[in-house]
C-alpha atoms as a PDB file:
ATOM      1  CA  MET A   1       0.000   0.000   0.000  1.00  0.00           C
ATOM      2  CA  GLY A   2       1.394   3.418  -0.951  1.00  0.00           C
ATOM      3  CA  ILE A   3       2.110   6.205   1.492  1.00  0.00           C
ATOM      4  CA  TRP A   4      -0.850   8.307   0.319  1.00  0.00           C
ATOM      5  CA  HIS A   5      -3.240   5.398   0.746  1.00  0.00           C
ATOM      6  CA  THR A   6      -1.802   4.736   4.191  1.00  0.00           C
ATOM      7  CA  LEU A   7      -2.161   8.370   5.262  1.00  0.00           C
ATOM      8  CA  GLY A   8      -5.660   8.477   3.761  1.00  0.00           C
ATOM      9  CA  TYR A   9      -6.898   5.408   5.626  1.00  0.00           C
ATOM     10  CA  GLY A  10      -5.301   6.667   8.843  1.00  0.00           C
ATOM     11  CA  ALA A  11      -6.888  10.107   8.398  1.00  0.00           C
ATOM     12  CA  LEU A  12     -10.254   8.454   7.729  1.00  0.00           C
ATOM     13  CA  GLY A  13      -9.782   6.590  10.999  1.00  0.00           C
ATOM     14  CA  GLY A  14      -9.093   9.927  12.735  1.00  0.00           C
ATOM     15  CA  PHE A  15     -12.284  11.311  11.173  1.00  0.00           C
ATOM     16  CA  LEU A  16     -14.226   8.316  12.523  1.00  0.00           C
ATOM     17  CA  ASN A  17     -12.582   8.887  15.914  1.00  0.00           C
ATOM     18  CA  CYS A  18     -14.229  12.325  15.984  1.00  0.00           C
ATOM     19  CA  ILE A  19     -17.632  10.779  15.382  1.00  0.00           C
ATOM     20  CA  LEU A  20     -17.269   7.793  17.717  1.00  0.00           C
ATOM     21  CA  PHE A  21     -15.327   9.166  20.685  1.00  0.00           C
ATOM     22  CA  ALA A  22     -14.920  12.947  20.565  1.00  0.00           C
ATOM     23  CA  GLY A  23     -18.642  13.648  20.429  1.00  0.00           C
ATOM     24  CA  GLY A  24     -18.471  15.506  17.129  1.00  0.00           C
ATOM     25  CA  PHE A  25     -16.246  17.998  15.405  1.00  0.00           C
ATOM     26  CA  LEU A  26     -14.726  20.749  17.488  1.00  0.00           C
ATOM     27  CA  MET A  27     -13.484  23.573  15.307  1.00  0.00           C
ATOM     28  CA  PRO A  28      -9.828  24.592  15.571  1.00  0.00           C
ATOM     29  CA  LYS A  29      -9.253  27.829  17.457  1.00  0.00           C
ATOM     30  CA  ILE A  30      -6.536  29.984  18.958  1.00  0.00           C
ATOM     31  CA  THR A  31      -7.092  31.453  22.408  1.00  0.00           C
ATOM     32  CA  ASN A  32      -5.173  33.842  24.632  1.00  0.00           C
ATOM     33  CA  ASP A  33      -4.704  32.319  28.085  1.00  0.00           C
ATOM     34  CA  GLU A  34      -2.999  34.702  30.520  1.00  0.00           C
ATOM     35  CA  GLY A  35      -0.870  36.251  27.789  1.00  0.00           C
ATOM     36  CA  GLN A  36      -0.010  32.931  26.120  1.00  0.00           C
ATOM     37  CA  TRP A  37      -1.454  32.087  22.739  1.00  0.00           C
ATOM     38  CA  VAL A  38      -2.745  28.507  22.720  1.00  0.00           C
ATOM     39  CA  CYS A  39      -3.688  26.588  19.571  1.00  0.00           C
ATOM     40  CA  HIS A  40      -6.498  24.033  19.945  1.00  0.00           C
ATOM     41  CA  PRO A  41      -6.406  21.848  16.814  1.00  0.00           C
ATOM     42  CA  GLY A  42      -9.942  20.517  17.273  1.00  0.00           C
ATOM     43  CA  PHE A  43     -11.000  17.792  14.860  1.00  0.00           C
ATOM     44  CA  LEU A  44      -7.924  18.412  12.701  1.00  0.00           C
ATOM     45  CA  GLY A  45      -5.780  17.076  15.565  1.00  0.00           C
ATOM     46  CA  ASN A  46      -7.688  13.784  15.536  1.00  0.00           C
ATOM     47  CA  ILE A  47      -7.282  13.477  11.776  1.00  0.00           C
ATOM     48  CA  VAL A  48      -3.530  14.200  11.888  1.00  0.00           C
ATOM     49  CA  MET A  49      -3.027  11.799  14.819  1.00  0.00           C
ATOM     50  CA  GLY A  50      -4.992   9.139  12.940  1.00  0.00           C
ATOM     51  CA  ALA A  51      -2.853   9.607   9.830  1.00  0.00           C
ATOM     52  CA  ALA A  52       0.346   9.399  11.923  1.00  0.00           C
ATOM     53  CA  ALA A  53      -0.838   6.279  13.761  1.00  0.00           C
ATOM     54  CA  GLY A  54      -1.888   4.648  10.497  1.00  0.00           C
ATOM     55  CA  PHE A  55       1.474   5.423   8.906  1.00  0.00           C
ATOM     56  CA  LEU A  56       3.471   4.027  11.836  1.00  0.00           C
ATOM     57  CA  ILE A  57       1.347   0.886  12.110  1.00  0.00           C
ATOM     58  CA  ASP A  58       1.771   0.321   8.383  1.00  0.00           C
ATOM     59  CA  ALA A  59       5.522   0.892   8.612  1.00  0.00           C
ATOM     60  CA  PHE A  60       6.055  -1.464  11.557  1.00  0.00           C
ATOM     61  CA  ILE A  61       3.294  -4.081  11.388  1.00  0.00           C
ATOM     62  CA  ALA A  62       0.690  -3.940   8.616  1.00  0.00           C
ATOM     63  CA  SER A  63       3.100  -4.000   5.667  1.00  0.00           C
ATOM     64  CA  GLU A  64       4.270  -7.443   6.816  1.00  0.00           C
ATOM     65  CA  ILE A  65       0.685  -8.737   6.769  1.00  0.00           C
ATOM     66  CA  GLY A  66      -0.207  -7.355   3.341  1.00  0.00           C
ATOM     67  CA  GLY A  67      -3.297  -8.268   1.367  1.00  0.00           C
ATOM     68  CA  ASN A  68      -6.779  -7.001   2.181  1.00  0.00           C
ATOM     69  CA  LYS A  69      -6.073  -6.855   5.909  1.00  0.00           C
ATOM     70  CA  GLU A  70      -3.526  -4.041   5.623  1.00  0.00           C
ATOM     71  CA  PRO A  71      -6.009  -1.180   4.909  1.00  0.00           C
ATOM     72  CA  ALA A  72      -8.312  -2.418   7.668  1.00  0.00           C
ATOM     73  CA  LEU A  73      -5.476  -2.478  10.202  1.00  0.00           C
ATOM     74  CA  VAL A  74      -4.363   1.029   9.189  1.00  0.00           C
ATOM     75  CA  LEU A  75      -7.958   2.280   9.479  1.00  0.00           C
ATOM     76  CA  LEU A  76      -8.294   0.784  12.965  1.00  0.00           C
ATOM     77  CA  ALA A  77      -4.982   2.360  13.984  1.00  0.00           C
ATOM     78  CA  GLY A  78      -6.312   5.696  12.730  1.00  0.00           C
ATOM     79  CA  ILE A  79      -9.403   5.314  14.897  1.00  0.00           C
ATOM     80  CA  GLY A  80      -7.177   4.614  17.890  1.00  0.00           C
ATOM     81  CA  GLY A  81      -5.017   7.631  17.041  1.00  0.00           C
ATOM     82  CA  GLY A  82      -2.959   8.831  19.988  1.00  0.00           C
ATOM     83  CA  ASN A  83      -3.564   5.663  21.985  1.00  0.00           C
ATOM     84  CA  VAL A  84      -1.898   3.630  19.251  1.00  0.00           C
ATOM     85  CA  LEU A  85       1.068   6.013  19.191  1.00  0.00           C
ATOM     86  CA  ILE A  86       1.469   5.753  22.969  1.00  0.00           C
ATOM     87  CA  SER A  87       1.324   1.950  22.765  1.00  0.00           C
ATOM     88  CA  LEU A  88       4.024   1.877  20.060  1.00  0.00           C
ATOM     89  CA  LEU A  89       6.214   4.155  22.165  1.00  0.00           C
ATOM     90  CA  GLN A  90       5.761   1.977  25.254  1.00  0.00           C
ATOM     91  CA  GLN A  91       6.716  -1.121  23.264  1.00  0.00           C
ATOM     92  CA  HIS A  92       9.867   0.608  22.040  1.00  0.00           C
ATOM     93  CA  ILE A  93      10.794   1.705  25.576  1.00  0.00           C
ATOM     94  CA  MET A  94      10.329  -1.858  26.863  1.00  0.00           C
ATOM     95  CA  LYS A  95      12.588  -3.221  24.098  1.00  0.00           C
ATOM     96  CA  VAL A  96      15.292  -0.682  24.969  1.00  0.00           C
ATOM     97  CA  LYS A  97      15.054  -1.653  28.650  1.00  0.00           C
ATOM     98  CA  GLU A  98      15.281  -5.364  27.792  1.00  0.00           C
ATOM     99  CA  ASP A  99      18.375  -4.710  25.673  1.00  0.00           C
ATOM    100  CA  LYS A 100      19.978  -2.780  28.556  1.00  0.00           C
ATOM    101  CA  VAL A 101      19.235  -5.601  31.006  1.00  0.00           C
ATOM    102  CA  LYS A 102      20.763  -8.177  28.627  1.00  0.00           C
ATOM    103  CA  ALA A 103      23.859  -6.017  28.167  1.00  0.00           C
ATOM    104  CA  LEU A 104      24.266  -5.595  31.942  1.00  0.00           C
ATOM    105  CA  ALA A 105      23.814  -9.333  32.453  1.00  0.00           C
ATOM    106  CA  ASN A 106      26.543 -10.024  29.892  1.00  0.00           C
ATOM    107  CA  VAL A 107      28.894  -7.554  31.621  1.00  0.00           C
ATOM    108  CA  ALA A 108      28.180  -9.121  35.012  1.00  0.00           C
ATOM    109  CA  LYS A 109      28.842 -12.585  33.558  1.00  0.00           C
ATOM    110  CA  GLU A 110      32.143 -11.450  32.058  1.00  0.00           C
ATOM    111  CA  VAL A 111      33.233  -9.852  35.346  1.00  0.00           C
ATOM    112  CA  THR A 112      32.432 -12.968  37.378  1.00  0.00           C
ATOM    113  CA  GLU A 113      34.197 -15.227  34.864  1.00  0.00           C
ATOM    114  CA  ALA A 114      37.290 -13.021  34.918  1.00  0.00           C
ATOM    115  CA  LYS A 115      37.683 -13.511  38.687  1.00  0.00           C
END
């Protein structure tokens, strides 16, 4: 699946996220809160997060599956949006921690064998 299809399915998932979970479409706006300008992306934030989640899921998981299941998985990732991104980040952090533990175990083993 091409990048534009992936982003499109993910964005469609973000659009569906607005309908299913956000209670509708909040318009983007910029407010002034105690002298600080704050941008509220509204429904556009959900669509962008859906596209990003769909792209990352396709890059790491869905492209290996292929076939007719790939667009469906990207669409579901788009619906999950930010939650999917957080889950991917947590998985990466756990892998880094596991690698560190293995490296420390190897160092400890080498130190004890050297004595």
